[in-house]
Amino acid sequence: GTHKASSIKVAEAAKVIENTQRDVNIALINEL
C-alpha cells in the first residue's frame, strides 16, 4: 500500500527522520 503525504516537503521530511530516529537510538546504546 501507499501513504499520500500532504506535500513534497512532508514526504522529504518523513524520509529523513526515519533514519535520524534510528541513528539517535543507536547513539544512545553506543553511549551506554
PDB file of all heavy atoms in Angstrom:
ATOM      1  N   GLY A   1       0.805  -1.212   0.000  1.00  0.00           N
ATOM      2  CA  GLY A   1       0.000   0.000   0.000  1.00  0.00           C
ATOM      3  C   GLY A   1       0.840   1.265   0.000  1.00  0.00           C
ATOM      4  O   GLY A   1       2.072   1.231   0.084  1.00  0.00           O
ATOM      5  N   THR A   2       0.181   2.391  -0.085  1.00  0.00           N
ATOM      6  CA  THR A   2       0.854   3.685  -0.140  1.00  0.00           C
ATOM      7  C   THR A   2       0.279   4.642   0.896  1.00  0.00           C
ATOM      8  O   THR A   2      -0.815   4.443   1.414  1.00  0.00           O
ATOM      9  CB  THR A   2       0.701   4.328  -1.539  1.00  0.00           C
ATOM     10  OG1 THR A   2      -0.704   4.496  -1.821  1.00  0.00           O
ATOM     11  CG2 THR A   2       1.337   3.464  -2.612  1.00  0.00           C
ATOM     12  N   HIS A   3       1.040   5.689   1.181  1.00  0.00           N
ATOM     13  CA  HIS A   3       0.580   6.778   2.041  1.00  0.00           C
ATOM     14  C   HIS A   3       0.822   8.081   1.306  1.00  0.00           C
ATOM     15  O   HIS A   3       1.973   8.457   1.073  1.00  0.00           O
ATOM     16  CB  HIS A   3       1.327   6.788   3.370  1.00  0.00           C
ATOM     17  CG  HIS A   3       0.982   7.969   4.230  1.00  0.00           C
ATOM     18  ND1 HIS A   3      -0.086   7.970   5.102  1.00  0.00           N
ATOM     19  CD2 HIS A   3       1.542   9.215   4.335  1.00  0.00           C
ATOM     20  CE1 HIS A   3      -0.159   9.145   5.716  1.00  0.00           C
ATOM     21  NE2 HIS A   3       0.817   9.918   5.261  1.00  0.00           N
ATOM     22  N   LYS A   4      -0.233   8.775   0.931  1.00  0.00           N
ATOM     23  CA  LYS A   4      -0.106  10.025   0.179  1.00  0.00           C
ATOM     24  C   LYS A   4       0.095  11.178   1.158  1.00  0.00           C
ATOM     25  O   LYS A   4      -0.826  11.555   1.881  1.00  0.00           O
ATOM     26  CB  LYS A   4      -1.342  10.251  -0.696  1.00  0.00           C
ATOM     27  CG  LYS A   4      -1.275  11.490  -1.570  1.00  0.00           C
ATOM     28  CD  LYS A   4      -2.266  11.403  -2.735  1.00  0.00           C
ATOM     29  CE  LYS A   4      -3.694  11.309  -2.281  1.00  0.00           C
ATOM     30  NZ  LYS A   4      -4.143  12.603  -1.629  1.00  0.00           N
ATOM     31  N   ALA A   5       1.314  11.706   1.160  1.00  0.00           N
ATOM     32  CA  ALA A   5       1.648  12.822   2.038  1.00  0.00           C
ATOM     33  C   ALA A   5       1.017  14.109   1.524  1.00  0.00           C
ATOM     34  O   ALA A   5       0.696  14.238   0.337  1.00  0.00           O
ATOM     35  CB  ALA A   5       3.161  12.980   2.135  1.00  0.00           C
ATOM     36  N   SER A   6       0.881  15.072   2.414  1.00  0.00           N
ATOM     37  CA  SER A   6       0.177  16.309   2.064  1.00  0.00           C
ATOM     38  C   SER A   6       1.001  17.235   1.176  1.00  0.00           C
ATOM     39  O   SER A   6       0.444  18.133   0.542  1.00  0.00           O
ATOM     40  CB  SER A   6      -0.235  17.054   3.337  1.00  0.00           C
ATOM     41  OG  SER A   6       0.905  17.334   4.151  1.00  0.00           O
ATOM     42  N   SER A   7       2.304  17.045   1.128  1.00  0.00           N
ATOM     43  CA  SER A   7       3.160  17.877   0.278  1.00  0.00           C
ATOM     44  C   SER A   7       4.481  17.163   0.047  1.00  0.00           C
ATOM     45  O   SER A   7       4.819  16.195   0.743  1.00  0.00           O
ATOM     46  CB  SER A   7       3.418  19.240   0.929  1.00  0.00           C
ATOM     47  OG  SER A   7       4.251  19.098   2.074  1.00  0.00           O
ATOM     48  N   ILE A   8       5.241  17.661  -0.914  1.00  0.00           N
ATOM     49  CA  ILE A   8       6.570  17.117  -1.181  1.00  0.00           C
ATOM     50  C   ILE A   8       7.481  17.317   0.030  1.00  0.00           C
ATOM     51  O   ILE A   8       8.235  16.402   0.413  1.00  0.00           O
ATOM     52  CB  ILE A   8       7.172  17.760  -2.448  1.00  0.00           C
ATOM     53  CG1 ILE A   8       6.473  17.203  -3.699  1.00  0.00           C
ATOM     54  CG2 ILE A   8       8.687  17.514  -2.529  1.00  0.00           C
ATOM     55  CD1 ILE A   8       6.930  17.827  -5.004  1.00  0.00           C
ATOM     56  N   LYS A   9       7.414  18.474   0.665  1.00  0.00           N
ATOM     57  CA  LYS A   9       8.253  18.743   1.833  1.00  0.00           C
ATOM     58  C   LYS A   9       7.974  17.763   2.965  1.00  0.00           C
ATOM     59  O   LYS A   9       8.895  17.315   3.663  1.00  0.00           O
ATOM     60  CB  LYS A   9       8.060  20.176   2.318  1.00  0.00           C
ATOM     61  CG  LYS A   9       8.772  21.227   1.486  1.00  0.00           C
ATOM     62  CD  LYS A   9       8.616  22.597   2.112  1.00  0.00           C
ATOM     63  CE  LYS A   9       9.348  23.660   1.287  1.00  0.00           C
ATOM     64  NZ  LYS A   9       9.207  25.021   1.879  1.00  0.00           N
ATOM     65  N   VAL A  10       6.703  17.433   3.175  1.00  0.00           N
ATOM     66  CA  VAL A  10       6.329  16.477   4.220  1.00  0.00           C
ATOM     67  C   VAL A  10       6.928  15.104   3.917  1.00  0.00           C
ATOM     68  O   VAL A  10       7.475  14.439   4.799  1.00  0.00           O
ATOM     69  CB  VAL A  10       4.794  16.387   4.368  1.00  0.00           C
ATOM     70  CG1 VAL A  10       4.403  15.176   5.213  1.00  0.00           C
ATOM     71  CG2 VAL A  10       4.245  17.656   4.996  1.00  0.00           C
ATOM     72  N   ALA A  11       6.849  14.685   2.659  1.00  0.00           N
ATOM     73  CA  ALA A  11       7.408  13.393   2.261  1.00  0.00           C
ATOM     74  C   ALA A  11       8.929  13.385   2.422  1.00  0.00           C
ATOM     75  O   ALA A  11       9.512  12.383   2.872  1.00  0.00           O
ATOM     76  CB  ALA A  11       7.027  13.076   0.816  1.00  0.00           C
ATOM     77  N   GLU A  12       9.587  14.482   2.064  1.00  0.00           N
ATOM     78  CA  GLU A  12      11.039  14.584   2.241  1.00  0.00           C
ATOM     79  C   GLU A  12      11.411  14.494   3.718  1.00  0.00           C
ATOM     80  O   GLU A  12      12.358  13.796   4.096  1.00  0.00           O
ATOM     81  CB  GLU A  12      11.555  15.905   1.652  1.00  0.00           C
ATOM     82  CG  GLU A  12      11.459  15.999   0.143  1.00  0.00           C
ATOM     83  CD  GLU A  12      11.705  17.410  -0.374  1.00  0.00           C
ATOM     84  OE1 GLU A  12      11.339  18.382   0.340  1.00  0.00           O
ATOM     85  OE2 GLU A  12      12.252  17.559  -1.484  1.00  0.00           O
ATOM     86  N   ALA A  13      10.650  15.206   4.557  1.00  0.00           N
ATOM     87  CA  ALA A  13      10.927  15.212   5.991  1.00  0.00           C
ATOM     88  C   ALA A  13      10.687  13.837   6.605  1.00  0.00           C
ATOM     89  O   ALA A  13      11.448  13.393   7.470  1.00  0.00           O
ATOM     90  CB  ALA A  13      10.070  16.267   6.692  1.00  0.00           C
ATOM     91  N   ALA A  14       9.630  13.161   6.169  1.00  0.00           N
ATOM     92  CA  ALA A  14       9.305  11.837   6.699  1.00  0.00           C
ATOM     93  C   ALA A  14      10.455  10.869   6.477  1.00  0.00           C
ATOM     94  O   ALA A  14      10.815  10.076   7.361  1.00  0.00           O
ATOM     95  CB  ALA A  14       8.030  11.304   6.047  1.00  0.00           C
ATOM     96  N   LYS A  15      11.028  10.920   5.296  1.00  0.00           N
ATOM     97  CA  LYS A  15      12.140  10.021   4.989  1.00  0.00           C
ATOM     98  C   LYS A  15      13.357  10.327   5.837  1.00  0.00           C
ATOM     99  O   LYS A  15      13.956   9.422   6.433  1.00  0.00           O
ATOM    100  CB  LYS A  15      12.497  10.119   3.506  1.00  0.00           C
ATOM    101  CG  LYS A  15      13.838   9.491   3.120  1.00  0.00           C
ATOM    102  CD  LYS A  15      13.902   7.999   3.449  1.00  0.00           C
ATOM    103  CE  LYS A  15      15.263   7.432   3.088  1.00  0.00           C
ATOM    104  NZ  LYS A  15      15.387   6.007   3.444  1.00  0.00           N
ATOM    105  N   VAL A  16      13.720  11.583   5.921  1.00  0.00           N
ATOM    106  CA  VAL A  16      14.974  11.922   6.581  1.00  0.00           C
ATOM    107  C   VAL A  16      14.892  11.676   8.090  1.00  0.00           C
ATOM    108  O   VAL A  16      15.910  11.383   8.724  1.00  0.00           O
ATOM    109  CB  VAL A  16      15.387  13.371   6.240  1.00  0.00           C
ATOM    110  CG1 VAL A  16      14.660  14.390   7.086  1.00  0.00           C
ATOM    111  CG2 VAL A  16      16.890  13.555   6.340  1.00  0.00           C
ATOM    112  N   ILE A  17      13.697  11.739   8.682  1.00  0.00           N
ATOM    113  CA  ILE A  17      13.613  11.486  10.119  1.00  0.00           C
ATOM    114  C   ILE A  17      13.568  10.001  10.441  1.00  0.00           C
ATOM    115  O   ILE A  17      13.874   9.601  11.564  1.00  0.00           O
ATOM    116  CB  ILE A  17      12.426  12.200  10.793  1.00  0.00           C
ATOM    117  CG1 ILE A  17      11.088  11.569  10.413  1.00  0.00           C
ATOM    118  CG2 ILE A  17      12.467  13.696  10.514  1.00  0.00           C
ATOM    119  CD1 ILE A  17       9.962  11.966  11.368  1.00  0.00           C
ATOM    120  N   GLU A  18      13.191   9.158   9.487  1.00  0.00           N
ATOM    121  CA  GLU A  18      13.202   7.715   9.732  1.00  0.00           C
ATOM    122  C   GLU A  18      14.586   7.263  10.183  1.00  0.00           C
ATOM    123  O   GLU A  18      14.740   6.578  11.198  1.00  0.00           O
ATOM    124  CB  GLU A  18      12.797   6.946   8.475  1.00  0.00           C
ATOM    125  CG  GLU A  18      11.337   7.074   8.081  1.00  0.00           C
ATOM    126  CD  GLU A  18      11.048   6.384   6.754  1.00  0.00           C
ATOM    127  OE1 GLU A  18      11.880   5.572   6.310  1.00  0.00           O
ATOM    128  OE2 GLU A  18       9.988   6.656   6.180  1.00  0.00           O
ATOM    129  N   ASN A  19      15.584   7.620   9.417  1.00  0.00           N
ATOM    130  CA  ASN A  19      16.940   7.205   9.744  1.00  0.00           C
ATOM    131  C   ASN A  19      17.566   8.043  10.852  1.00  0.00           C
ATOM    132  O   ASN A  19      18.441   7.562  11.574  1.00  0.00           O
ATOM    133  CB  ASN A  19      17.809   7.238   8.486  1.00  0.00           C
ATOM    134  CG  ASN A  19      17.415   6.141   7.516  1.00  0.00           C
ATOM    135  OD1 ASN A  19      17.160   5.010   7.901  1.00  0.00           O
ATOM    136  ND2 ASN A  19      17.339   6.467   6.240  1.00  0.00           N
ATOM    137  N   THR A  20      17.124   9.295  10.991  1.00  0.00           N
ATOM    138  CA  THR A  20      17.602  10.119  12.095  1.00  0.00           C
ATOM    139  C   THR A  20      17.162   9.526  13.429  1.00  0.00           C
ATOM    140  O   THR A  20      17.939   9.458  14.385  1.00  0.00           O
ATOM    141  CB  THR A  20      17.090  11.563  11.950  1.00  0.00           C
ATOM    142  OG1 THR A  20      17.565  12.121  10.718  1.00  0.00           O
ATOM    143  CG2 THR A  20      17.568  12.427  13.110  1.00  0.00           C
ATOM    144  N   GLN A  21      15.926   9.088  13.497  1.00  0.00           N
ATOM    145  CA  GLN A  21      15.425   8.464  14.721  1.00  0.00           C
ATOM    146  C   GLN A  21      16.233   7.218  15.071  1.00  0.00           C
ATOM    147  O   GLN A  21      16.632   7.015  16.220  1.00  0.00           O
ATOM    148  CB  GLN A  21      13.947   8.095  14.559  1.00  0.00           C
ATOM    149  CG  GLN A  21      13.334   7.473  15.807  1.00  0.00           C
ATOM    150  CD  GLN A  21      11.940   6.931  15.566  1.00  0.00           C
ATOM    151  OE1 GLN A  21      11.758   5.988  14.812  1.00  0.00           O
ATOM    152  NE2 GLN A  21      10.944   7.541  16.194  1.00  0.00           N
ATOM    153  N   ARG A  22      16.496   6.368  14.077  1.00  0.00           N
ATOM    154  CA  ARG A  22      17.263   5.158  14.315  1.00  0.00           C
ATOM    155  C   ARG A  22      18.701   5.495  14.740  1.00  0.00           C
ATOM    156  O   ARG A  22      19.261   4.864  15.642  1.00  0.00           O
ATOM    157  CB  ARG A  22      17.271   4.293  13.047  1.00  0.00           C
ATOM    158  CG  ARG A  22      17.936   2.944  13.219  1.00  0.00           C
ATOM    159  CD  ARG A  22      17.622   2.006  12.066  1.00  0.00           C
ATOM    160  NE  ARG A  22      18.337   0.751  12.217  1.00  0.00           N
ATOM    161  CZ  ARG A  22      17.955  -0.241  12.989  1.00  0.00           C
ATOM    162  NH1 ARG A  22      16.844  -0.128  13.695  1.00  0.00           N
ATOM    163  NH2 ARG A  22      18.656  -1.356  13.062  1.00  0.00           N
ATOM    164  N   ASP A  23      19.267   6.499  14.101  1.00  0.00           N
ATOM    165  CA  ASP A  23      20.632   6.925  14.410  1.00  0.00           C
ATOM    166  C   ASP A  23      20.748   7.374  15.861  1.00  0.00           C
ATOM    167  O   ASP A  23      21.691   6.996  16.572  1.00  0.00           O
ATOM    168  CB  ASP A  23      21.045   8.049  13.460  1.00  0.00           C
ATOM    169  CG  ASP A  23      22.530   8.376  13.546  1.00  0.00           C
ATOM    170  OD1 ASP A  23      23.367   7.455  13.493  1.00  0.00           O
ATOM    171  OD2 ASP A  23      22.859   9.576  13.639  1.00  0.00           O
ATOM    172  N   VAL A  24      19.806   8.185  16.310  1.00  0.00           N
ATOM    173  CA  VAL A  24      19.823   8.699  17.683  1.00  0.00           C
ATOM    174  C   VAL A  24      19.650   7.561  18.684  1.00  0.00           C
ATOM    175  O   VAL A  24      20.310   7.519  19.720  1.00  0.00           O
ATOM    176  CB  VAL A  24      18.734   9.772  17.874  1.00  0.00           C
ATOM    177  CG1 VAL A  24      18.569  10.123  19.348  1.00  0.00           C
ATOM    178  CG2 VAL A  24      19.073  11.030  17.071  1.00  0.00           C
ATOM    179  N   ASN A  25      18.763   6.616  18.377  1.00  0.00           N
ATOM    180  CA  ASN A  25      18.554   5.478  19.267  1.00  0.00           C
ATOM    181  C   ASN A  25      19.809   4.613  19.392  1.00  0.00           C
ATOM    182  O   ASN A  25      20.162   4.152  20.484  1.00  0.00           O
ATOM    183  CB  ASN A  25      17.388   4.624  18.778  1.00  0.00           C
ATOM    184  CG  ASN A  25      16.044   5.163  19.234  1.00  0.00           C
ATOM    185  OD1 ASN A  25      15.828   5.388  20.404  1.00  0.00           O
ATOM    186  ND2 ASN A  25      15.124   5.358  18.317  1.00  0.00           N
ATOM    187  N   ILE A  26      20.480   4.370  18.268  1.00  0.00           N
ATOM    188  CA  ILE A  26      21.716   3.591  18.308  1.00  0.00           C
ATOM    189  C   ILE A  26      22.798   4.364  19.057  1.00  0.00           C
ATOM    190  O   ILE A  26      23.582   3.780  19.809  1.00  0.00           O
ATOM    191  CB  ILE A  26      22.187   3.231  16.888  1.00  0.00           C
ATOM    192  CG1 ILE A  26      21.160   2.326  16.202  1.00  0.00           C
ATOM    193  CG2 ILE A  26      23.542   2.519  16.935  1.00  0.00           C
ATOM    194  CD1 ILE A  26      21.454   2.072  14.728  1.00  0.00           C
ATOM    195  N   ALA A  27      22.834   5.679  18.869  1.00  0.00           N
ATOM    196  CA  ALA A  27      23.814   6.511  19.573  1.00  0.00           C
ATOM    197  C   ALA A  27      23.639   6.389  21.086  1.00  0.00           C
ATOM    198  O   ALA A  27      24.628   6.344  21.837  1.00  0.00           O
ATOM    199  CB  ALA A  27      23.689   7.965  19.139  1.00  0.00           C
ATOM    200  N   LEU A  28      22.398   6.351  21.544  1.00  0.00           N
ATOM    201  CA  LEU A  28      22.139   6.182  22.975  1.00  0.00           C
ATOM    202  C   LEU A  28      22.726   4.859  23.474  1.00  0.00           C
ATOM    203  O   LEU A  28      23.409   4.815  24.500  1.00  0.00           O
ATOM    204  CB  LEU A  28      20.637   6.224  23.251  1.00  0.00           C
ATOM    205  CG  LEU A  28      20.206   5.849  24.676  1.00  0.00           C
ATOM    206  CD1 LEU A  28      20.803   6.814  25.701  1.00  0.00           C
ATOM    207  CD2 LEU A  28      18.684   5.813  24.778  1.00  0.00           C
ATOM    208  N   ILE A  29      22.481   3.791  22.737  1.00  0.00           N
ATOM    209  CA  ILE A  29      23.003   2.483  23.136  1.00  0.00           C
ATOM    210  C   ILE A  29      24.528   2.463  23.059  1.00  0.00           C
ATOM    211  O   ILE A  29      25.196   1.872  23.919  1.00  0.00           O
ATOM    212  CB  ILE A  29      22.394   1.362  22.274  1.00  0.00           C
ATOM    213  CG1 ILE A  29      20.873   1.372  22.375  1.00  0.00           C
ATOM    214  CG2 ILE A  29      22.943   0.002  22.697  1.00  0.00           C
ATOM    215  CD1 ILE A  29      20.330   1.204  23.785  1.00  0.00           C
ATOM    216  N   ASN A  30      25.090   3.113  22.050  1.00  0.00           N
ATOM    217  CA  ASN A  30      26.547   3.207  21.963  1.00  0.00           C
ATOM    218  C   ASN A  30      27.124   3.955  23.164  1.00  0.00           C
ATOM    219  O   ASN A  30      28.145   3.552  23.729  1.00  0.00           O
ATOM    220  CB  ASN A  30      26.966   3.892  20.662  1.00  0.00           C
ATOM    221  CG  ASN A  30      27.094   2.925  19.494  1.00  0.00           C
ATOM    222  OD1 ASN A  30      27.332   1.735  19.678  1.00  0.00           O
ATOM    223  ND2 ASN A  30      26.952   3.434  18.276  1.00  0.00           N
ATOM    224  N   GLU A  31      26.460   5.028  23.550  1.00  0.00           N
ATOM    225  CA  GLU A  31      26.946   5.770  24.710  1.00  0.00           C
ATOM    226  C   GLU A  31      26.825   4.932  25.979  1.00  0.00           C
ATOM    227  O   GLU A  31      27.717   4.957  26.841  1.00  0.00           O
ATOM    228  CB  GLU A  31      26.191   7.086  24.868  1.00  0.00           C
ATOM    229  CG  GLU A  31      26.747   7.967  25.983  1.00  0.00           C
ATOM    230  CD  GLU A  31      26.287   9.393  25.907  1.00  0.00           C
ATOM    231  OE1 GLU A  31      25.057   9.606  25.996  1.00  0.00           O
ATOM    232  OE2 GLU A  31      27.124  10.294  25.756  1.00  0.00           O
ATOM    233  N   LEU A  32      25.736   4.191  26.092  1.00  0.00           N
ATOM    234  CA  LEU A  32      25.583   3.301  27.244  1.00  0.00           C
ATOM    235  C   LEU A  32      26.698   2.261  27.269  1.00  0.00           C
ATOM    236  O   LEU A  32      27.230   1.932  28.338  1.00  0.00           O
ATOM    237  CB  LEU A  32      24.220   2.614  27.207  1.00  0.00           C
ATOM    238  CG  LEU A  32      22.999   3.513  27.432  1.00  0.00           C
ATOM    239  CD1 LEU A  32      21.707   2.726  27.240  1.00  0.00           C
ATOM    240  CD2 LEU A  32      23.024   4.151  28.805  1.00  0.00           C
TER     241      LEU A  32
END
